C-alpha atoms as a PDB file:
ATOM      1  CA  UNK A   1       3.996 -13.090 -18.961  1.00  0.00           C
ATOM      2  CA  UNK A   2       0.491 -13.646 -17.711  1.00  0.00           C
ATOM      3  CA  UNK A   3      -2.112 -15.226 -19.991  1.00  0.00           C
ATOM      4  CA  UNK A   4      -4.289 -12.102 -19.708  1.00  0.00           C
ATOM      5  CA  UNK A   5      -1.420  -9.964 -20.978  1.00  0.00           C
ATOM      6  CA  UNK A   6      -0.709 -12.350 -23.862  1.00  0.00           C
ATOM      7  CA  UNK A   7      -4.376 -12.365 -24.829  1.00  0.00           C
ATOM      8  CA  UNK A   8      -4.498  -8.566 -24.664  1.00  0.00           C
ATOM      9  CA  UNK A   9      -1.459  -8.238 -26.939  1.00  0.00           C
ATOM     10  CA  UNK A  10      -2.916 -10.705 -29.444  1.00  0.00           C
ATOM     11  CA  UNK A  11      -6.336  -9.032 -29.557  1.00  0.00           C
ATOM     12  CA  UNK A  12      -4.693  -5.588 -29.637  1.00  0.00           C
ATOM     13  CA  UNK A  13      -2.461  -6.543 -32.577  1.00  0.00           C
ATOM     14  CA  UNK A  14      -5.468  -7.861 -34.500  1.00  0.00           C
ATOM     15  CA  UNK A  15      -7.466  -4.697 -33.697  1.00  0.00           C
ATOM     16  CA  UNK A  16      -4.535  -2.509 -34.840  1.00  0.00           C
ATOM     17  CA  UNK A  17      -4.258  -4.392 -38.131  1.00  0.00           C
ATOM     18  CA  UNK A  18      -8.010  -4.194 -38.774  1.00  0.00           C
ATOM     19  CA  UNK A  19      -8.178  -0.497 -37.890  1.00  0.00           C
ATOM     20  CA  UNK A  20      -5.075   0.219 -40.027  1.00  0.00           C
ATOM     21  CA  UNK A  21      -7.067  -1.004 -43.010  1.00  0.00           C
ATOM     22  CA  UNK A  22      -9.548   1.841 -42.435  1.00  0.00           C
ATOM     23  CA  UNK A  23      -7.367   4.662 -41.093  1.00  0.00           C
ATOM     24  CA  UNK A  24      -3.765   4.993 -39.928  1.00  0.00           C
ATOM     25  CA  UNK A  25      -4.592   7.397 -37.088  1.00  0.00           C
ATOM     26  CA  UNK A  26      -7.345   5.087 -35.849  1.00  0.00           C
ATOM     27  CA  UNK A  27      -4.750   2.302 -35.672  1.00  0.00           C
ATOM     28  CA  UNK A  28      -2.448   4.575 -33.644  1.00  0.00           C
ATOM     29  CA  UNK A  29      -5.296   5.341 -31.242  1.00  0.00           C
ATOM     30  CA  UNK A  30      -6.028   1.642 -30.798  1.00  0.00           C
ATOM     31  CA  UNK A  31      -2.311   0.983 -30.219  1.00  0.00           C
ATOM     32  CA  UNK A  32      -2.186   3.652 -27.494  1.00  0.00           C
ATOM     33  CA  UNK A  33      -5.264   2.169 -25.783  1.00  0.00           C
ATOM     34  CA  UNK A  34      -3.837  -1.366 -25.946  1.00  0.00           C
ATOM     35  CA  UNK A  35      -0.480  -0.174 -24.597  1.00  0.00           C
ATOM     36  CA  UNK A  36      -2.229   1.639 -21.729  1.00  0.00           C
ATOM     37  CA  UNK A  37      -4.244  -1.472 -20.842  1.00  0.00           C
ATOM     38  CA  UNK A  38      -1.092  -3.589 -20.965  1.00  0.00           C
ATOM     39  CA  UNK A  39       0.725  -1.216 -18.601  1.00  0.00           C
ATOM     40  CA  UNK A  40      -2.255  -1.249 -16.207  1.00  0.00           C
ATOM     41  CA  UNK A  41      -2.198  -5.057 -16.057  1.00  0.00           C
ATOM     42  CA  UNK A  42       1.574  -5.051 -15.559  1.00  0.00           C
ATOM     43  CA  UNK A  43       1.392  -2.568 -12.675  1.00  0.00           C
ATOM     44  CA  UNK A  44      -1.505  -4.461 -11.076  1.00  0.00           C
ATOM     45  CA  UNK A  45       0.448  -7.718 -11.292  1.00  0.00           C
ATOM     46  CA  UNK A  46       3.485  -6.095  -9.703  1.00  0.00           C
ATOM     47  CA  UNK A  47       1.549  -4.864  -6.656  1.00  0.00           C
ATOM     48  CA  UNK A  48      -1.056  -7.610  -6.352  1.00  0.00           C
ATOM     49  CA  UNK A  49      -0.176  -9.401  -3.127  1.00  0.00           C
ATOM     50  CA  UNK A  50       1.711  -7.026  -0.862  1.00  0.00           C
ATOM     51  CA  UNK A  51       1.047  -6.315   2.811  1.00  0.00           C
ATOM     52  CA  UNK A  52       1.204  -2.776   4.123  1.00  0.00           C
ATOM     53  CA  UNK A  53       1.206  -2.387   7.893  1.00  0.00           C
ATOM     54  CA  UNK A  54       0.475   1.070   9.311  1.00  0.00           C
ATOM     55  CA  UNK A  55       0.498   2.157  12.937  1.00  0.00           C
ATOM     56  CA  UNK A  56      -1.447   4.960  14.548  1.00  0.00           C
ATOM     57  CA  UNK A  57      -2.208   6.277  17.982  1.00  0.00           C
ATOM     58  CA  UNK A  58      -5.693   5.915  19.441  1.00  0.00           C
ATOM     59  CA  UNK A  59      -7.736   8.973  20.377  1.00  0.00           C
ATOM     60  CA  UNK A  60      -7.017   8.620  24.086  1.00  0.00           C
ATOM     61  CA  UNK A  61      -3.251   8.169  23.413  1.00  0.00           C
ATOM     62  CA  UNK A  62      -3.188   4.996  25.512  1.00  0.00           C
ATOM     63  CA  UNK A  63      -2.925   2.402  22.758  1.00  0.00           C
ATOM     64  CA  UNK A  64      -1.209   1.714  19.448  1.00  0.00           C
ATOM     65  CA  UNK A  65      -3.391   0.522  16.562  1.00  0.00           C
ATOM     66  CA  UNK A  66      -1.549  -1.760  14.130  1.00  0.00           C
ATOM     67  CA  UNK A  67      -3.494  -2.154  10.880  1.00  0.00           C
ATOM     68  CA  UNK A  68      -2.792  -4.120   7.683  1.00  0.00           C
ATOM     69  CA  UNK A  69      -4.123  -2.058   4.758  1.00  0.00           C
ATOM     70  CA  UNK A  70      -2.424  -4.187   2.097  1.00  0.00           C
ATOM     71  CA  UNK A  71      -3.709  -7.066  -0.019  1.00  0.00           C
ATOM     72  CA  UNK A  72      -1.787  -9.932   1.614  1.00  0.00           C
ATOM     73  CA  UNK A  73      -1.231 -11.075   5.163  1.00  0.00           C
ATOM     74  CA  UNK A  74       1.794  -9.794   7.060  1.00  0.00           C
ATOM     75  CA  UNK A  75       3.804 -12.182   9.228  1.00  0.00           C
ATOM     76  CA  UNK A  76       6.380 -11.789  11.998  1.00  0.00           C
ATOM     77  CA  UNK A  77       5.433  -8.189  12.787  1.00  0.00           C
ATOM     78  CA  UNK A  78       7.786  -6.420  15.191  1.00  0.00           C
ATOM     79  CA  UNK A  79       6.755  -2.981  16.467  1.00  0.00           C
ATOM     80  CA  UNK A  80       9.120  -0.665  18.360  1.00  0.00           C
ATOM     81  CA  UNK A  81       8.236   2.696  19.925  1.00  0.00           C
ATOM     82  CA  UNK A  82      11.171   5.095  19.770  1.00  0.00           C
ATOM     83  CA  UNK A  83      12.409   6.620  22.219  1.00  0.00           C
ATOM     84  CA  UNK A  84      10.030   5.010  24.725  1.00  0.00           C
ATOM     85  CA  UNK A  85      11.835   1.643  24.590  1.00  0.00           C
ATOM     86  CA  UNK A  86       8.609  -0.320  24.156  1.00  0.00           C
ATOM     87  CA  UNK A  87       8.565  -3.292  21.799  1.00  0.00           C
ATOM     88  CA  UNK A  88       5.998  -5.962  20.974  1.00  0.00           C
ATOM     89  CA  UNK A  89       5.453  -8.672  18.375  1.00  0.00           C
ATOM     90  CA  UNK A  90       2.418  -9.799  16.412  1.00  0.00           C
ATOM     91  CA  UNK A  91       2.479 -13.224  14.802  1.00  0.00           C
ATOM     92  CA  UNK A  92       0.251 -12.510  11.787  1.00  0.00           C
ATOM     93  CA  UNK A  93      -2.139  -9.843  10.541  1.00  0.00           C
ATOM     94  CA  UNK A  94      -4.605 -10.576   7.755  1.00  0.00           C
ATOM     95  CA  UNK A  95      -5.572  -7.902   5.180  1.00  0.00           C
ATOM     96  CA  UNK A  96      -7.985  -5.227   6.460  1.00  0.00           C
ATOM     97  CA  UNK A  97      -7.603  -6.283  10.086  1.00  0.00           C
ATOM     98  CA  UNK A  98      -6.134  -4.481  13.044  1.00  0.00           C
ATOM     99  CA  UNK A  99      -4.732  -5.257  16.446  1.00  0.00           C
ATOM    100  CA  UNK A 100      -4.563  -2.913  19.416  1.00  0.00           C
ATOM    101  CA  UNK A 101      -1.654  -2.807  21.867  1.00  0.00           C
ATOM    102  CA  UNK A 102      -2.590  -1.084  25.132  1.00  0.00           C
ATOM    103  CA  UNK A 103       0.074   1.076  26.795  1.00  0.00           C
ATOM    104  CA  UNK A 104       0.535   1.646  30.522  1.00  0.00           C
ATOM    105  CA  UNK A 105       0.349   5.439  30.244  1.00  0.00           C
ATOM    106  CA  UNK A 106      -0.454   8.101  27.691  1.00  0.00           C
ATOM    107  CA  UNK A 107       2.213   9.167  25.242  1.00  0.00           C
ATOM    108  CA  UNK A 108       2.530  12.615  23.774  1.00  0.00           C
ATOM    109  CA  UNK A 109       4.958  12.093  20.925  1.00  0.00           C
ATOM    110  CA  UNK A 110       6.951   9.147  19.594  1.00  0.00           C
ATOM    111  CA  UNK A 111       7.952   7.347  16.441  1.00  0.00           C
ATOM    112  CA  UNK A 112       6.926   3.784  15.694  1.00  0.00           C
ATOM    113  CA  UNK A 113       9.117   1.483  13.599  1.00  0.00           C
ATOM    114  CA  UNK A 114       7.425  -1.618  12.235  1.00  0.00           C
ATOM    115  CA  UNK A 115       9.178  -4.574  10.562  1.00  0.00           C
ATOM    116  CA  UNK A 116       7.328  -7.445   8.913  1.00  0.00           C
ATOM    117  CA  UNK A 117       7.571 -10.045   6.175  1.00  0.00           C
ATOM    118  CA  UNK A 118       5.201 -10.718   3.316  1.00  0.00           C
ATOM    119  CA  UNK A 119       3.087 -13.843   3.149  1.00  0.00           C
ATOM    120  CA  UNK A 120       4.922 -15.469   0.241  1.00  0.00           C
ATOM    121  CA  UNK A 121       8.464 -14.178   0.728  1.00  0.00           C
ATOM    122  CA  UNK A 122      11.026 -13.755   3.450  1.00  0.00           C
ATOM    123  CA  UNK A 123      12.039 -10.195   2.583  1.00  0.00           C
ATOM    124  CA  UNK A 124      11.800  -7.824   5.524  1.00  0.00           C
ATOM    125  CA  UNK A 125       9.756  -4.671   4.974  1.00  0.00           C
ATOM    126  CA  UNK A 126      10.333  -1.737   7.323  1.00  0.00           C
ATOM    127  CA  UNK A 127       8.231   1.400   7.777  1.00  0.00           C
ATOM    128  CA  UNK A 128       8.252   4.186  10.349  1.00  0.00           C
ATOM    129  CA  UNK A 129       5.431   6.510  11.355  1.00  0.00           C
ATOM    130  CA  UNK A 130       5.377   9.551  13.641  1.00  0.00           C
ATOM    131  CA  UNK A 131       2.871   9.357  16.478  1.00  0.00           C
ATOM    132  CA  UNK A 132       1.535  12.451  18.187  1.00  0.00           C
ATOM    133  CA  UNK A 133      -1.424  12.953  20.474  1.00  0.00           C
ATOM    134  CA  UNK A 134      -1.804  16.637  19.578  1.00  0.00           C
ATOM    135  CA  UNK A 135      -0.754  16.922  15.928  1.00  0.00           C
ATOM    136  CA  UNK A 136      -3.189  14.379  14.511  1.00  0.00           C
ATOM    137  CA  UNK A 137      -0.589  12.083  12.944  1.00  0.00           C
ATOM    138  CA  UNK A 138      -3.150   9.429  12.049  1.00  0.00           C
ATOM    139  CA  UNK A 139      -2.833   7.422   8.860  1.00  0.00           C
ATOM    140  CA  UNK A 140      -4.814   9.036   6.039  1.00  0.00           C
ATOM    141  CA  UNK A 141      -4.657   7.198   2.701  1.00  0.00           C
ATOM    142  CA  UNK A 142      -6.167  10.189   0.850  1.00  0.00           C
ATOM    143  CA  UNK A 143      -3.663  12.776   2.064  1.00  0.00           C
ATOM    144  CA  UNK A 144      -1.680  14.159  -0.893  1.00  0.00           C
ATOM    145  CA  UNK A 145       2.099  13.981  -0.889  1.00  0.00           C
ATOM    146  CA  UNK A 146       2.344  17.707  -1.574  1.00  0.00           C
ATOM    147  CA  UNK A 147      -0.148  20.090   0.092  1.00  0.00           C
ATOM    148  CA  UNK A 148      -2.139  21.342  -2.882  1.00  0.00           C
ATOM    149  CA  UNK A 149      -5.599  22.834  -3.414  1.00  0.00           C
ATOM    150  CA  UNK A 150      -5.929  24.080   0.146  1.00  0.00           C
ATOM    151  CA  UNK A 151      -5.358  20.731   1.837  1.00  0.00           C
ATOM    152  CA  UNK A 152      -5.132  21.386   5.549  1.00  0.00           C
ATOM    153  CA  UNK A 153      -2.674  19.535   7.705  1.00  0.00           C
END
């Protein structure tokens, strides 16, 4: 357990005991707030240093843009374009950086499979992304999982 989480539990327990002296429901409210803060810290700790490599097609459909949108550097990146039989490797990609791989000719539609390892572990992470020059298959971090509220594809 992290020292921030231990300190939060200690301060939260003291605040619950003090507020229980005044009102039971106030103590329950404080307990819910402390529990929510604890869960936020736990989730943040779980996803703190993870790379996330995404691939997209450039506007002219002549190059592949490999971008690390995570919070840690990605190492040993292997990118394969399916079914075009094109593969290339990138040694390392720092957070919020990108590298461009120029193709010989334009592509209309393909799928890219990217494999990489995290900075502090040797586990292999694999993602795949559809690439299309006409459908607009670019990476959009704000796109909802389910098309709601009139979101247009």
